[in-house]
Amino acid sequence: MRWFIFCLMIPISGFAQQLQLDPLQKPAQPTNMSGALTDPTLSPGVAFLFQLEAKFAQDTAKGGGKAFASWFADEGVTLANGKAPVRGRAAIAAEATWDPKTYQLTWTPQGGQMSLSGDMGFTWGHYEGRAKDRSGKTITTSGRYMTIWRKQADGTWKVALDSSNDEPPAAGDCCKLP
């Protein structure tokens, strides 16, 4: 069952636990945060998107697929490797049924951009999913993701689109000559 490849991931290490986020207010430039948020070139808009990602990841770590789906806009879409698009929060929730006790989802934003109007932005980075197969062996999936965030009419921020793809083969693996 690899449907979860489309999922976003952020490790909940350090900065994710330090952030306090009110999605109704756009915060000032963050201070005293570890990881990517300490980058002095990070704009306040991108820092805000990273804070959204951290809260999203924190909720997902605690609540699994149900929490993951709750972050999507009503008309949100997921796009995953080799899969048909999943359209709408209800459809996403119907597929995102994993329990955080059996599947751990993490992701790390590596970049992003906020629109000039401040009502839409995107983040991108690396994700990883961990589960155990029937024999108890850990199975790890990983890849790249992009999330498009949109400010809703009520002032909250929701995921409009989540797209992901599997990790590319290790350097040189695809092109070795016999």
N, C-alpha and C. Protein backbone atom coordinates (compact mmCIF):
# COMPACT_ATOMS: atom_id res chain seq x y z
N MET A 1 0.85 -1.18 0.00
CA MET A 1 0.00 0.00 0.00
C MET A 1 0.89 1.23 0.00
N ARG A 2 1.06 1.80 -1.16
CA ARG A 2 2.00 2.90 -1.27
C ARG A 2 1.32 4.22 -1.57
N TRP A 3 0.05 4.33 -1.34
CA TRP A 3 -0.66 5.59 -1.62
C TRP A 3 -0.09 6.74 -0.83
N PHE A 4 0.51 6.45 0.29
CA PHE A 4 1.00 7.51 1.16
C PHE A 4 2.22 8.22 0.60
N ILE A 5 2.73 7.77 -0.54
CA ILE A 5 3.88 8.43 -1.16
C ILE A 5 3.58 9.90 -1.44
N PHE A 6 2.30 10.21 -1.68
CA PHE A 6 1.96 11.60 -1.99
C PHE A 6 2.06 12.51 -0.78
N CYS A 7 2.23 11.96 0.37
CA CYS A 7 2.17 12.72 1.61
C CYS A 7 3.34 13.69 1.76
N LEU A 8 3.09 14.75 2.45
CA LEU A 8 4.12 15.71 2.81
C LEU A 8 4.81 15.29 4.07
N MET A 9 6.04 15.74 4.25
CA MET A 9 6.74 15.35 5.45
C MET A 9 7.66 16.45 5.95
N ILE A 10 7.71 16.59 7.26
CA ILE A 10 8.64 17.48 7.94
C ILE A 10 9.06 16.81 9.23
N PRO A 11 10.35 16.74 9.54
CA PRO A 11 10.67 16.20 10.84
C PRO A 11 10.21 17.16 11.93
N ILE A 12 9.76 16.62 12.99
CA ILE A 12 9.24 17.43 14.09
C ILE A 12 10.38 17.73 15.06
N SER A 13 11.58 17.79 14.57
CA SER A 13 12.71 18.06 15.44
C SER A 13 12.88 19.55 15.60
N GLY A 14 13.21 19.96 16.77
CA GLY A 14 13.60 21.34 17.02
C GLY A 14 12.57 22.36 16.66
N PHE A 15 12.67 22.92 15.45
CA PHE A 15 11.86 24.09 15.13
C PHE A 15 10.38 23.80 15.12
N ALA A 16 9.94 22.63 14.75
CA ALA A 16 8.51 22.35 14.68
C ALA A 16 7.88 22.41 16.05
N GLN A 17 8.59 21.98 17.09
CA GLN A 17 8.03 22.01 18.42
C GLN A 17 8.14 23.38 19.05
N GLN A 18 9.01 24.24 18.55
CA GLN A 18 9.20 25.55 19.13
C GLN A 18 8.19 26.57 18.63
N LEU A 19 7.55 26.32 17.51
CA LEU A 19 6.71 27.32 16.88
C LEU A 19 5.33 27.39 17.51
N GLN A 20 4.87 28.58 17.71
CA GLN A 20 3.49 28.83 18.11
C GLN A 20 2.87 29.55 16.92
N LEU A 21 1.82 28.98 16.33
CA LEU A 21 1.27 29.52 15.09
C LEU A 21 -0.20 29.82 15.25
N ASP A 22 -0.57 31.05 14.98
CA ASP A 22 -1.97 31.43 14.88
C ASP A 22 -2.22 31.66 13.40
N PRO A 23 -2.94 30.72 12.71
CA PRO A 23 -3.09 30.84 11.27
C PRO A 23 -3.92 32.04 10.84
N LEU A 24 -4.49 32.77 11.78
CA LEU A 24 -5.24 33.96 11.42
C LEU A 24 -4.36 35.20 11.34
N GLN A 25 -3.14 35.09 11.82
CA GLN A 25 -2.26 36.25 11.81
C GLN A 25 -0.95 35.89 11.14
N LYS A 26 -0.43 36.82 10.36
CA LYS A 26 0.86 36.63 9.73
C LYS A 26 1.92 37.15 10.70
N PRO A 27 2.84 36.29 11.17
CA PRO A 27 3.82 36.71 12.17
C PRO A 27 4.91 37.59 11.58
N ALA A 28 5.57 38.29 12.46
CA ALA A 28 6.75 39.05 12.08
C ALA A 28 7.89 38.08 11.83
N GLN A 29 9.03 38.58 11.36
CA GLN A 29 10.20 37.73 11.13
C GLN A 29 10.49 36.93 12.39
N PRO A 30 10.56 35.59 12.30
CA PRO A 30 10.81 34.78 13.48
C PRO A 30 12.21 34.98 14.03
N THR A 31 12.36 34.73 15.34
CA THR A 31 13.67 34.80 15.97
C THR A 31 13.86 33.56 16.82
N ASN A 32 15.11 33.23 17.11
CA ASN A 32 15.46 32.10 17.98
C ASN A 32 14.85 30.78 17.53
N MET A 33 14.83 30.49 16.26
CA MET A 33 14.34 29.22 15.75
C MET A 33 15.50 28.48 15.12
N SER A 34 15.53 27.17 15.27
CA SER A 34 16.61 26.37 14.71
C SER A 34 16.29 25.95 13.29
N GLY A 35 17.21 25.23 12.65
CA GLY A 35 16.98 24.71 11.32
C GLY A 35 16.90 25.80 10.27
N ALA A 36 16.06 25.57 9.28
CA ALA A 36 15.94 26.49 8.15
C ALA A 36 15.47 27.87 8.56
N LEU A 37 14.76 27.97 9.66
CA LEU A 37 14.22 29.27 10.05
C LEU A 37 15.27 30.22 10.58
N THR A 38 16.49 29.78 10.81
CA THR A 38 17.54 30.68 11.25
C THR A 38 18.26 31.34 10.08
N ASP A 39 17.91 30.97 8.87
CA ASP A 39 18.51 31.55 7.68
C ASP A 39 18.16 33.03 7.61
N PRO A 40 19.16 33.92 7.69
CA PRO A 40 18.87 35.36 7.70
C PRO A 40 18.29 35.86 6.37
N THR A 41 18.40 35.07 5.31
CA THR A 41 17.86 35.49 4.03
C THR A 41 16.42 35.05 3.85
N LEU A 42 15.87 34.33 4.81
CA LEU A 42 14.50 33.85 4.73
C LEU A 42 13.54 35.02 4.91
N SER A 43 12.69 35.23 3.93
CA SER A 43 11.74 36.34 4.01
C SER A 43 10.67 36.04 5.06
N PRO A 44 10.01 37.06 5.60
CA PRO A 44 8.92 36.81 6.55
C PRO A 44 7.81 35.94 5.96
N GLY A 45 7.53 36.08 4.67
CA GLY A 45 6.50 35.27 4.03
C GLY A 45 6.87 33.80 4.00
N VAL A 46 8.11 33.50 3.63
CA VAL A 46 8.56 32.11 3.59
C VAL A 46 8.67 31.56 5.01
N ALA A 47 9.12 32.36 5.95
CA ALA A 47 9.16 31.92 7.34
C ALA A 47 7.76 31.55 7.82
N PHE A 48 6.77 32.33 7.44
CA PHE A 48 5.38 32.03 7.80
C PHE A 48 4.94 30.69 7.19
N LEU A 49 5.27 30.46 5.92
CA LEU A 49 4.92 29.20 5.27
C LEU A 49 5.62 28.02 5.97
N PHE A 50 6.86 28.21 6.37
CA PHE A 50 7.57 27.16 7.10
C PHE A 50 6.89 26.88 8.44
N GLN A 51 6.37 27.92 9.08
CA GLN A 51 5.64 27.73 10.33
C GLN A 51 4.36 26.94 10.09
N LEU A 52 3.66 27.24 8.99
CA LEU A 52 2.48 26.44 8.64
C LEU A 52 2.87 24.98 8.46
N GLU A 53 3.95 24.73 7.73
CA GLU A 53 4.43 23.37 7.51
C GLU A 53 4.73 22.67 8.84
N ALA A 54 5.35 23.39 9.76
CA ALA A 54 5.70 22.81 11.06
C ALA A 54 4.45 22.41 11.83
N LYS A 55 3.45 23.26 11.85
CA LYS A 55 2.20 22.95 12.55
C LYS A 55 1.48 21.79 11.86
N PHE A 56 1.44 21.80 10.55
CA PHE A 56 0.86 20.73 9.75
C PHE A 56 1.52 19.40 10.09
N ALA A 57 2.86 19.40 10.13
CA ALA A 57 3.61 18.18 10.44
C ALA A 57 3.36 17.72 11.87
N GLN A 58 3.31 18.66 12.77
CA GLN A 58 3.07 18.33 14.18
C GLN A 58 1.70 17.67 14.34
N ASP A 59 0.69 18.25 13.72
CA ASP A 59 -0.66 17.67 13.77
C ASP A 59 -0.69 16.29 13.13
N THR A 60 -0.01 16.13 12.00
CA THR A 60 0.03 14.85 11.30
C THR A 60 0.74 13.79 12.13
N ALA A 61 1.82 14.17 12.79
CA ALA A 61 2.55 13.22 13.64
C ALA A 61 1.65 12.71 14.77
N LYS A 62 0.81 13.58 15.29
CA LYS A 62 -0.08 13.19 16.39
C LYS A 62 -1.33 12.46 15.91
N GLY A 63 -1.91 12.91 14.79
CA GLY A 63 -3.21 12.41 14.37
C GLY A 63 -3.25 11.58 13.11
N GLY A 64 -2.10 11.33 12.49
CA GLY A 64 -2.06 10.49 11.30
C GLY A 64 -2.80 11.07 10.11
N GLY A 65 -3.35 10.16 9.30
CA GLY A 65 -4.02 10.56 8.06
C GLY A 65 -5.19 11.50 8.25
N LYS A 66 -5.96 11.29 9.30
CA LYS A 66 -7.12 12.16 9.56
C LYS A 66 -6.66 13.60 9.76
N ALA A 67 -5.60 13.79 10.55
CA ALA A 67 -5.06 15.13 10.77
C ALA A 67 -4.47 15.69 9.48
N PHE A 68 -3.76 14.84 8.73
CA PHE A 68 -3.17 15.26 7.46
C PHE A 68 -4.26 15.84 6.54
N ALA A 69 -5.34 15.10 6.36
CA ALA A 69 -6.42 15.53 5.46
C ALA A 69 -7.09 16.81 5.94
N SER A 70 -7.13 17.04 7.24
CA SER A 70 -7.82 18.22 7.77
C SER A 70 -7.15 19.53 7.36
N TRP A 71 -5.92 19.49 6.93
CA TRP A 71 -5.20 20.70 6.52
C TRP A 71 -5.51 21.13 5.08
N PHE A 72 -6.25 20.31 4.35
CA PHE A 72 -6.55 20.63 2.95
C PHE A 72 -7.77 21.52 2.82
N ALA A 73 -7.74 22.39 1.81
CA ALA A 73 -8.92 23.17 1.45
C ALA A 73 -9.99 22.21 0.94
N ASP A 74 -11.23 22.64 0.98
CA ASP A 74 -12.32 21.79 0.49
C ASP A 74 -12.04 21.27 -0.91
N GLU A 75 -11.46 22.12 -1.75
CA GLU A 75 -11.18 21.75 -3.14
C GLU A 75 -9.72 21.34 -3.35
N GLY A 76 -9.00 21.01 -2.28
CA GLY A 76 -7.59 20.62 -2.35
C GLY A 76 -7.37 19.40 -3.23
N VAL A 77 -6.15 19.26 -3.71
CA VAL A 77 -5.79 18.18 -4.63
C VAL A 77 -4.45 17.58 -4.19
N THR A 78 -4.34 16.25 -4.32
CA THR A 78 -3.03 15.60 -4.16
C THR A 78 -2.66 14.96 -5.48
N LEU A 79 -1.38 15.06 -5.82
CA LEU A 79 -0.81 14.43 -7.01
C LEU A 79 0.35 13.57 -6.56
N ALA A 80 0.33 12.30 -6.90
CA ALA A 80 1.40 11.39 -6.48
C ALA A 80 1.88 10.56 -7.66
N ASN A 81 3.11 10.11 -7.55
CA ASN A 81 3.74 9.25 -8.55
C ASN A 81 2.81 8.16 -9.06
N GLY A 82 2.53 8.15 -10.35
CA GLY A 82 1.78 7.06 -10.95
C GLY A 82 0.35 6.90 -10.47
N LYS A 83 -0.20 7.89 -9.82
CA LYS A 83 -1.55 7.81 -9.27
C LYS A 83 -2.44 8.88 -9.91
N ALA A 84 -3.73 8.60 -9.95
CA ALA A 84 -4.68 9.60 -10.41
C ALA A 84 -4.77 10.71 -9.37
N PRO A 85 -5.06 11.94 -9.78
CA PRO A 85 -5.25 13.01 -8.80
C PRO A 85 -6.37 12.66 -7.83
N VAL A 86 -6.20 13.07 -6.58
CA VAL A 86 -7.25 12.92 -5.57
C VAL A 86 -7.76 14.33 -5.33
N ARG A 87 -9.05 14.54 -5.59
CA ARG A 87 -9.62 15.89 -5.56
C ARG A 87 -10.62 16.04 -4.42
N GLY A 88 -10.39 17.04 -3.61
CA GLY A 88 -11.30 17.37 -2.53
C GLY A 88 -10.87 16.78 -1.20
N ARG A 89 -11.08 17.56 -0.13
CA ARG A 89 -10.67 17.12 1.20
C ARG A 89 -11.33 15.81 1.59
N ALA A 90 -12.60 15.62 1.24
CA ALA A 90 -13.29 14.37 1.61
C ALA A 90 -12.62 13.16 0.95
N ALA A 91 -12.25 13.28 -0.32
CA ALA A 91 -11.59 12.17 -1.02
C ALA A 91 -10.19 11.94 -0.47
N ILE A 92 -9.50 13.00 -0.13
CA ILE A 92 -8.17 12.88 0.46
C ILE A 92 -8.29 12.16 1.81
N ALA A 93 -9.26 12.56 2.61
CA ALA A 93 -9.47 11.92 3.92
C ALA A 93 -9.81 10.45 3.77
N ALA A 94 -10.56 10.10 2.73
CA ALA A 94 -10.93 8.69 2.50
C ALA A 94 -9.70 7.84 2.20
N GLU A 95 -8.66 8.43 1.63
CA GLU A 95 -7.44 7.69 1.33
C GLU A 95 -6.40 7.79 2.44
N ALA A 96 -6.40 8.89 3.16
CA ALA A 96 -5.40 9.12 4.21
C ALA A 96 -5.90 8.55 5.53
N THR A 97 -5.90 7.24 5.63
CA THR A 97 -6.48 6.58 6.80
C THR A 97 -5.43 5.98 7.74
N TRP A 98 -4.17 6.34 7.56
CA TRP A 98 -3.14 5.72 8.36
C TRP A 98 -3.16 6.22 9.81
N ASP A 99 -2.71 5.34 10.69
CA ASP A 99 -2.60 5.61 12.11
C ASP A 99 -1.14 5.98 12.39
N PRO A 100 -0.89 7.04 13.16
CA PRO A 100 0.51 7.42 13.42
C PRO A 100 1.29 6.37 14.20
N LYS A 101 0.60 5.42 14.79
CA LYS A 101 1.30 4.34 15.51
C LYS A 101 1.90 3.33 14.53
N THR A 102 1.35 3.27 13.32
CA THR A 102 1.83 2.28 12.34
C THR A 102 2.53 2.91 11.14
N TYR A 103 2.37 4.20 10.97
CA TYR A 103 3.02 4.90 9.86
C TYR A 103 3.45 6.28 10.33
N GLN A 104 4.73 6.59 10.21
CA GLN A 104 5.26 7.88 10.60
C GLN A 104 5.64 8.66 9.35
N LEU A 105 5.13 9.85 9.28
CA LEU A 105 5.32 10.72 8.13
C LEU A 105 6.07 11.96 8.56
N THR A 106 7.19 12.23 7.91
CA THR A 106 7.97 13.44 8.23
C THR A 106 8.35 14.14 6.94
N TRP A 107 8.57 15.44 7.01
CA TRP A 107 9.04 16.17 5.84
C TRP A 107 9.81 17.39 6.27
N THR A 108 10.70 17.84 5.39
CA THR A 108 11.56 18.99 5.66
C THR A 108 11.45 19.99 4.52
N PRO A 109 10.94 21.18 4.79
CA PRO A 109 10.92 22.18 3.72
C PRO A 109 12.34 22.68 3.47
N GLN A 110 12.64 22.84 2.21
CA GLN A 110 13.96 23.33 1.84
C GLN A 110 13.89 24.67 1.12
N GLY A 111 12.70 25.06 0.74
CA GLY A 111 12.53 26.34 0.08
C GLY A 111 11.06 26.66 -0.06
N GLY A 112 10.81 27.86 -0.50
CA GLY A 112 9.43 28.28 -0.70
C GLY A 112 9.38 29.70 -1.20
N GLN A 113 8.18 30.14 -1.47
CA GLN A 113 7.99 31.50 -1.94
C GLN A 113 6.57 31.94 -1.60
N MET A 114 6.42 33.17 -1.16
CA MET A 114 5.11 33.76 -0.88
C MET A 114 4.76 34.70 -2.02
N SER A 115 3.49 34.74 -2.41
CA SER A 115 3.07 35.65 -3.47
C SER A 115 3.20 37.09 -2.99
N LEU A 116 3.29 38.00 -3.92
CA LEU A 116 3.39 39.41 -3.57
C LEU A 116 2.17 39.89 -2.79
N SER A 117 1.01 39.32 -3.09
CA SER A 117 -0.22 39.71 -2.39
C SER A 117 -0.31 39.09 -1.00
N GLY A 118 0.53 38.09 -0.69
CA GLY A 118 0.56 37.49 0.63
C GLY A 118 -0.59 36.54 0.92
N ASP A 119 -1.30 36.09 -0.12
CA ASP A 119 -2.44 35.20 0.12
C ASP A 119 -2.24 33.79 -0.45
N MET A 120 -1.06 33.54 -1.01
CA MET A 120 -0.77 32.23 -1.58
C MET A 120 0.74 32.05 -1.62
N GLY A 121 1.17 30.82 -1.43
CA GLY A 121 2.59 30.55 -1.49
C GLY A 121 2.84 29.06 -1.66
N PHE A 122 4.11 28.71 -1.83
CA PHE A 122 4.44 27.29 -1.95
C PHE A 122 5.69 26.99 -1.16
N THR A 123 5.80 25.72 -0.76
CA THR A 123 7.00 25.19 -0.13
C THR A 123 7.38 23.92 -0.88
N TRP A 124 8.63 23.55 -0.77
CA TRP A 124 9.10 22.30 -1.37
C TRP A 124 10.19 21.73 -0.49
N GLY A 125 10.40 20.43 -0.60
CA GLY A 125 11.45 19.81 0.20
C GLY A 125 11.47 18.30 0.05
N HIS A 126 11.95 17.64 1.08
CA HIS A 126 12.15 16.20 1.11
C HIS A 126 11.19 15.57 2.12
N TYR A 127 10.64 14.40 1.79
CA TYR A 127 9.77 13.69 2.73
C TYR A 127 10.27 12.28 2.95
N GLU A 128 9.79 11.69 4.05
CA GLU A 128 10.09 10.30 4.35
C GLU A 128 8.92 9.69 5.10
N GLY A 129 8.58 8.46 4.73
CA GLY A 129 7.53 7.71 5.42
C GLY A 129 8.10 6.40 5.93
N ARG A 130 7.71 6.02 7.14
CA ARG A 130 8.21 4.77 7.73
C ARG A 130 7.05 3.94 8.24
N ALA A 131 7.09 2.66 7.89
CA ALA A 131 6.09 1.69 8.34
C ALA A 131 6.80 0.34 8.48
N LYS A 132 6.09 -0.64 9.00
CA LYS A 132 6.64 -1.99 9.11
C LYS A 132 5.83 -2.92 8.21
N ASP A 133 6.54 -3.84 7.55
CA ASP A 133 5.83 -4.83 6.73
C ASP A 133 5.31 -5.94 7.65
N ARG A 134 4.71 -6.96 7.07
CA ARG A 134 4.09 -8.03 7.86
C ARG A 134 5.09 -8.78 8.73
N SER A 135 6.34 -8.81 8.30
CA SER A 135 7.36 -9.51 9.09
C SER A 135 8.01 -8.61 10.13
N GLY A 136 7.60 -7.35 10.19
CA GLY A 136 8.15 -6.43 11.17
C GLY A 136 9.34 -5.62 10.69
N LYS A 137 9.73 -5.82 9.44
CA LYS A 137 10.85 -5.07 8.86
C LYS A 137 10.40 -3.65 8.52
N THR A 138 11.24 -2.66 8.84
CA THR A 138 10.92 -1.28 8.54
C THR A 138 11.01 -1.01 7.04
N ILE A 139 9.98 -0.40 6.52
CA ILE A 139 9.94 0.01 5.12
C ILE A 139 9.99 1.53 5.10
N THR A 140 10.91 2.08 4.33
CA THR A 140 11.04 3.53 4.23
C THR A 140 10.80 3.96 2.80
N THR A 141 9.98 4.97 2.64
CA THR A 141 9.79 5.60 1.33
C THR A 141 10.25 7.04 1.47
N SER A 142 10.76 7.60 0.40
CA SER A 142 11.21 8.98 0.46
C SER A 142 11.13 9.61 -0.92
N GLY A 143 11.14 10.92 -0.92
CA GLY A 143 11.08 11.64 -2.18
C GLY A 143 11.02 13.13 -1.97
N ARG A 144 10.56 13.81 -3.00
CA ARG A 144 10.46 15.27 -3.01
C ARG A 144 8.98 15.65 -3.01
N TYR A 145 8.67 16.81 -2.45
CA TYR A 145 7.29 17.28 -2.44
C TYR A 145 7.23 18.77 -2.73
N MET A 146 6.05 19.22 -3.10
CA MET A 146 5.74 20.64 -3.21
C MET A 146 4.32 20.83 -2.69
N THR A 147 4.13 21.82 -1.85
CA THR A 147 2.82 22.15 -1.30
C THR A 147 2.48 23.57 -1.70
N ILE A 148 1.28 23.75 -2.20
CA ILE A 148 0.78 25.10 -2.49
C ILE A 148 -0.22 25.45 -1.40
N TRP A 149 0.04 26.54 -0.72
CA TRP A 149 -0.80 27.05 0.37
C TRP A 149 -1.64 28.22 -0.11
N ARG A 150 -2.88 28.30 0.38
CA ARG A 150 -3.75 29.42 0.01
C ARG A 150 -4.50 29.90 1.24
N LYS A 151 -4.54 31.21 1.40
CA LYS A 151 -5.30 31.82 2.48
C LYS A 151 -6.78 31.74 2.13
N GLN A 152 -7.57 31.26 3.08
CA GLN A 152 -9.01 31.09 2.87
C GLN A 152 -9.77 32.38 3.21
N ALA A 153 -11.02 32.44 2.83
CA ALA A 153 -11.85 33.62 3.08
C ALA A 153 -11.94 33.95 4.56
N ASP A 154 -11.86 32.93 5.43
CA ASP A 154 -11.95 33.17 6.87
C ASP A 154 -10.59 33.53 7.49
N GLY A 155 -9.54 33.65 6.66
CA GLY A 155 -8.23 34.04 7.14
C GLY A 155 -7.31 32.88 7.47
N THR A 156 -7.82 31.66 7.52
CA THR A 156 -6.96 30.51 7.79
C THR A 156 -6.22 30.12 6.51
N TRP A 157 -5.18 29.33 6.68
CA TRP A 157 -4.39 28.85 5.55
C TRP A 157 -4.62 27.36 5.39
N LYS A 158 -4.82 26.93 4.14
CA LYS A 158 -5.06 25.52 3.83
C LYS A 158 -4.19 25.11 2.65
N VAL A 159 -3.99 23.79 2.55
CA VAL A 159 -3.24 23.23 1.42
C VAL A 159 -4.17 23.17 0.22
N ALA A 160 -3.78 23.84 -0.86
CA ALA A 160 -4.55 23.82 -2.11
C ALA A 160 -4.09 22.64 -2.98
N LEU A 161 -2.79 22.34 -2.95
CA LEU A 161 -2.25 21.26 -3.76
C LEU A 161 -1.02 20.68 -3.09
N ASP A 162 -0.95 19.37 -3.06
CA ASP A 162 0.21 18.65 -2.55
C ASP A 162 0.66 17.69 -3.64
N SER A 163 1.89 17.83 -4.06
CA SER A 163 2.42 16.99 -5.11
C SER A 163 3.71 16.36 -4.62
N SER A 164 3.92 15.08 -4.98
CA SER A 164 5.15 14.43 -4.55
C SER A 164 5.60 13.42 -5.59
N ASN A 165 6.87 13.06 -5.49
CA ASN A 165 7.42 12.02 -6.36
C ASN A 165 8.48 11.25 -5.59
N ASP A 166 8.69 10.00 -6.01
CA ASP A 166 9.68 9.14 -5.36
C ASP A 166 11.07 9.73 -5.51
N GLU A 167 11.93 9.35 -4.59
CA GLU A 167 13.33 9.74 -4.63
C GLU A 167 13.95 9.23 -5.92
N PRO A 168 14.78 10.03 -6.59
CA PRO A 168 15.43 9.54 -7.80
C PRO A 168 16.46 8.47 -7.43
N PRO A 169 16.85 7.63 -8.41
CA PRO A 169 17.86 6.61 -8.12
C PRO A 169 19.16 7.27 -7.68
N ALA A 170 19.97 6.54 -6.97
CA ALA A 170 21.27 7.05 -6.53
C ALA A 170 22.07 7.48 -7.76
N ALA A 171 22.92 8.46 -7.59
CA ALA A 171 23.70 8.98 -8.71
C ALA A 171 24.41 7.85 -9.44
N GLY A 172 24.23 7.78 -10.72
CA GLY A 172 24.91 6.79 -11.54
C GLY A 172 24.17 5.47 -11.68
N ASP A 173 23.19 5.19 -10.82
CA ASP A 173 22.48 3.91 -10.90
C ASP A 173 21.69 3.75 -12.19
N CYS A 174 21.22 4.84 -12.74
CA CYS A 174 20.37 4.74 -13.90
C CYS A 174 21.17 4.55 -15.20
N CYS A 175 22.42 4.86 -15.16
CA CYS A 175 23.14 4.94 -16.43
C CYS A 175 24.38 4.05 -16.50
N LYS A 176 24.46 3.04 -15.69
CA LYS A 176 25.64 2.16 -15.71
C LYS A 176 25.63 1.31 -16.97
N LEU A 177 26.77 1.20 -17.58
CA LEU A 177 26.91 0.37 -18.76
C LEU A 177 27.28 -1.04 -18.32
N PRO A 178 26.82 -2.06 -19.09
CA PRO A 178 27.16 -3.44 -18.74
C PRO A 178 28.63 -3.73 -18.85
